[in-house]
Amino acid sequence: TSVPPASCSTKHTVDSLLSAQECFLRTTMEQCLLTNTNRIDALFQILRCCEGYCNFVNRYTSDWQIYETTKASTQSTTLESTQQQRQTAIEMLEQDCRESLSSNNFTNAIEKYSKSFEEAVRTFLNDLQKSNHSSINMNVLLSRLDFNAYYMPKLSF
C-alpha cells in the first residue's frame, strides 16, 4: 500500500479526474512491472519454465488414472475383484514410479528444469535490482519476491 504521488491528489473537474485516472493507470502499470518489455519477457520465461515442468510431471502422474478408474468401478464388479484390480494398479504404479525415479533421464530432466527455472528467476531479479526506477522500492519488492532468501546471495551486483 503506497501513497499516491502529490500529482494524483483529489481533483474536482472532469479534466482533473481524467488526469488522476491516467496517473493511477501509469502508477499501476509501473507497480505491476508492466512498463519494461525485457522484464515482461523475463517473467514469461519463468512461467514457461513452470509450464514445462508441470507438463513433465503430468506425464509421470497420468498413470494415476488407472488407479482412479479401478477405484470407481465398484458398482459393476464384486468387492473382491475390485480390491484385486486396485491392488494390481497400485503395484504397477509403484513399479513404474520406482523405475522412472531411478532413471538417469528423470534425474537429468529434473536438473534441467531446476537450472532453467533458477536462471530465469535470477535474470528477472537481476533486472529488477539494476533498474533505477524511483516510484518502485526495489529492495522491498526483491525481499518479497525472495521471501526465503534463496536468490539474493546468488545475485550479481
Protein backbone atom coordinates (compact mmCIF):
# COMPACT_ATOMS: atom_id res chain seq x y z
CA THR A 1 0.00 0.00 0.00
CA SER A 2 1.81 3.06 -1.23
CA VAL A 3 0.78 6.69 -1.01
CA PRO A 4 -0.11 8.18 -4.39
CA PRO A 5 2.17 10.96 -5.62
CA ALA A 6 1.13 14.53 -4.92
CA SER A 7 0.17 14.92 -8.58
CA CYS A 8 -2.57 12.28 -8.02
CA SER A 9 -4.32 14.17 -5.23
CA THR A 10 -8.08 14.86 -5.07
CA LYS A 11 -9.44 16.57 -8.22
CA HIS A 12 -12.67 18.50 -8.81
CA THR A 13 -13.18 18.80 -12.61
CA VAL A 14 -13.67 16.19 -15.34
CA ASP A 15 -10.28 17.04 -16.85
CA SER A 16 -8.57 16.72 -13.49
CA LEU A 17 -10.43 13.43 -12.86
CA LEU A 18 -9.18 12.08 -16.21
CA SER A 19 -5.70 13.25 -15.31
CA ALA A 20 -5.93 11.47 -11.95
CA GLN A 21 -7.12 8.30 -13.70
CA GLU A 22 -4.20 8.48 -16.12
CA CYS A 23 -1.84 8.95 -13.18
CA PHE A 24 -3.42 5.95 -11.44
CA LEU A 25 -3.12 3.74 -14.52
CA ARG A 26 0.50 4.76 -15.08
CA THR A 27 1.36 4.07 -11.45
CA THR A 28 -0.44 0.71 -11.59
CA MET A 29 1.47 -0.28 -14.73
CA GLU A 30 4.76 0.67 -13.10
CA GLN A 31 3.99 -1.08 -9.81
CA CYS A 32 2.91 -4.25 -11.68
CA LEU A 33 6.19 -4.11 -13.64
CA LEU A 34 4.38 -3.86 -16.97
CA THR A 35 6.33 -0.95 -18.45
CA ASN A 36 9.52 -2.79 -19.40
CA THR A 37 9.33 -5.39 -22.19
CA ASN A 38 12.56 -7.09 -21.08
CA ARG A 39 11.13 -7.55 -17.61
CA ILE A 40 7.87 -8.92 -19.01
CA ASP A 41 9.84 -11.35 -21.20
CA ALA A 42 11.84 -12.48 -18.16
CA LEU A 43 8.65 -13.04 -16.21
CA PHE A 44 7.14 -15.06 -19.06
CA GLN A 45 10.34 -17.12 -19.21
CA ILE A 46 9.74 -18.07 -15.57
CA LEU A 47 6.18 -19.03 -16.43
CA ARG A 48 7.35 -21.12 -19.42
CA CYS A 49 9.76 -22.97 -17.12
CA CYS A 50 6.90 -23.71 -14.72
CA GLU A 51 4.66 -24.87 -17.56
CA GLY A 52 7.36 -27.17 -18.95
CA TYR A 53 7.96 -28.70 -15.53
CA CYS A 54 4.22 -29.22 -14.97
CA ASN A 55 3.88 -30.95 -18.34
CA PHE A 56 6.86 -33.16 -17.48
CA VAL A 57 5.43 -34.15 -14.09
CA ASN A 58 2.00 -34.70 -15.63
CA ARG A 59 3.48 -37.41 -17.87
CA TYR A 60 4.54 -39.30 -14.75
CA THR A 61 1.32 -38.80 -12.83
CA SER A 62 -1.15 -39.53 -15.63
CA ASP A 63 -0.95 -43.24 -14.75
CA TRP A 64 -2.89 -42.49 -11.59
CA GLN A 65 -5.95 -42.51 -13.83
CA ILE A 66 -5.64 -46.31 -13.85
CA TYR A 67 -5.92 -46.29 -10.09
CA GLU A 68 -8.87 -43.89 -10.12
CA THR A 69 -10.63 -45.94 -12.83
CA THR A 70 -10.37 -49.12 -10.80
CA LYS A 71 -11.43 -47.21 -7.71
CA ALA A 72 -14.60 -46.03 -9.46
CA SER A 73 -15.58 -49.40 -10.89
CA THR A 74 -17.07 -50.76 -7.65
CA GLN A 75 -20.65 -50.80 -8.97
CA SER A 76 -20.06 -53.26 -11.82
CA THR A 77 -17.87 -55.86 -10.10
CA THR A 78 -17.64 -57.71 -6.83
CA LEU A 79 -15.78 -56.21 -3.90
CA GLU A 80 -13.06 -58.86 -4.04
CA SER A 81 -12.50 -58.35 -7.76
CA THR A 82 -12.36 -54.56 -7.32
CA GLN A 83 -9.85 -54.85 -4.49
CA GLN A 84 -7.68 -57.12 -6.65
CA GLN A 85 -7.83 -54.66 -9.57
CA ARG A 86 -6.86 -51.77 -7.31
CA GLN A 87 -4.00 -53.74 -5.76
CA THR A 88 -2.71 -54.64 -9.23
CA ALA A 89 -2.96 -51.00 -10.34
CA ILE A 90 -1.11 -49.82 -7.25
CA GLU A 91 1.65 -52.37 -7.79
CA MET A 92 2.01 -51.32 -11.42
CA LEU A 93 2.19 -47.67 -10.43
CA GLU A 94 4.71 -48.41 -7.72
CA GLN A 95 6.94 -50.29 -10.16
CA ASP A 96 6.64 -47.57 -12.79
CA CYS A 97 7.45 -44.84 -10.25
CA ARG A 98 10.50 -46.70 -8.97
CA GLU A 99 11.82 -47.20 -12.49
CA SER A 100 11.13 -43.60 -13.50
CA LEU A 101 12.59 -42.01 -10.41
CA SER A 102 15.75 -44.08 -10.52
CA SER A 103 16.43 -43.50 -14.22
CA ASN A 104 19.08 -41.04 -15.37
CA ASN A 105 16.62 -39.46 -17.79
CA PHE A 106 14.30 -38.44 -14.96
CA THR A 107 17.14 -37.11 -12.81
CA ASN A 108 18.66 -35.20 -15.72
CA ALA A 109 15.30 -33.72 -16.67
CA ILE A 110 14.68 -32.50 -13.10
CA GLU A 111 18.15 -30.92 -13.03
CA LYS A 112 17.47 -29.26 -16.40
CA TYR A 113 14.17 -27.79 -15.22
CA SER A 114 15.70 -26.68 -11.94
CA LYS A 115 18.61 -24.91 -13.65
CA SER A 116 16.32 -23.35 -16.23
CA PHE A 117 13.94 -22.02 -13.57
CA GLU A 118 16.76 -20.75 -11.37
CA GLU A 119 18.40 -18.94 -14.28
CA ALA A 120 15.10 -17.34 -15.30
CA VAL A 121 14.40 -16.15 -11.74
CA ARG A 122 17.97 -14.89 -11.35
CA THR A 123 17.70 -12.96 -14.62
CA PHE A 124 14.40 -11.43 -13.50
CA LEU A 125 15.72 -10.46 -10.07
CA ASN A 126 18.95 -9.03 -11.51
CA ASP A 127 16.92 -6.93 -13.94
CA LEU A 128 14.75 -5.63 -11.11
CA GLN A 129 17.78 -4.86 -8.99
CA LYS A 130 19.59 -2.97 -11.76
CA SER A 131 16.65 -0.74 -12.62
CA ASN A 132 16.72 2.67 -11.02
CA HIS A 133 13.02 3.34 -11.12
CA SER A 134 12.18 5.88 -8.45
CA SER A 135 8.48 5.01 -7.97
CA ILE A 136 9.17 1.38 -7.05
CA ASN A 137 11.02 0.46 -3.90
CA MET A 138 13.11 -2.35 -5.39
CA ASN A 139 14.56 -3.51 -2.09
CA VAL A 140 11.09 -4.13 -0.67
CA LEU A 141 9.94 -5.80 -3.87
CA LEU A 142 13.01 -8.01 -4.10
CA SER A 143 12.67 -9.09 -0.49
CA ARG A 144 9.02 -10.00 -1.09
CA LEU A 145 9.86 -12.00 -4.22
CA ASP A 146 12.74 -13.71 -2.43
CA PHE A 147 10.87 -14.46 0.78
CA ASN A 148 13.09 -17.39 1.75
CA ALA A 149 16.36 -15.57 0.91
CA TYR A 150 17.37 -18.23 -1.59
CA TYR A 151 18.21 -16.00 -4.56
CA MET A 152 19.60 -12.82 -3.01
CA PRO A 153 23.04 -14.30 -2.20
CA LYS A 154 23.30 -15.50 -5.83
CA LEU A 155 22.58 -12.14 -7.47
CA SER A 156 25.35 -10.40 -9.33
CA PHE A 157 25.98 -6.86 -8.13
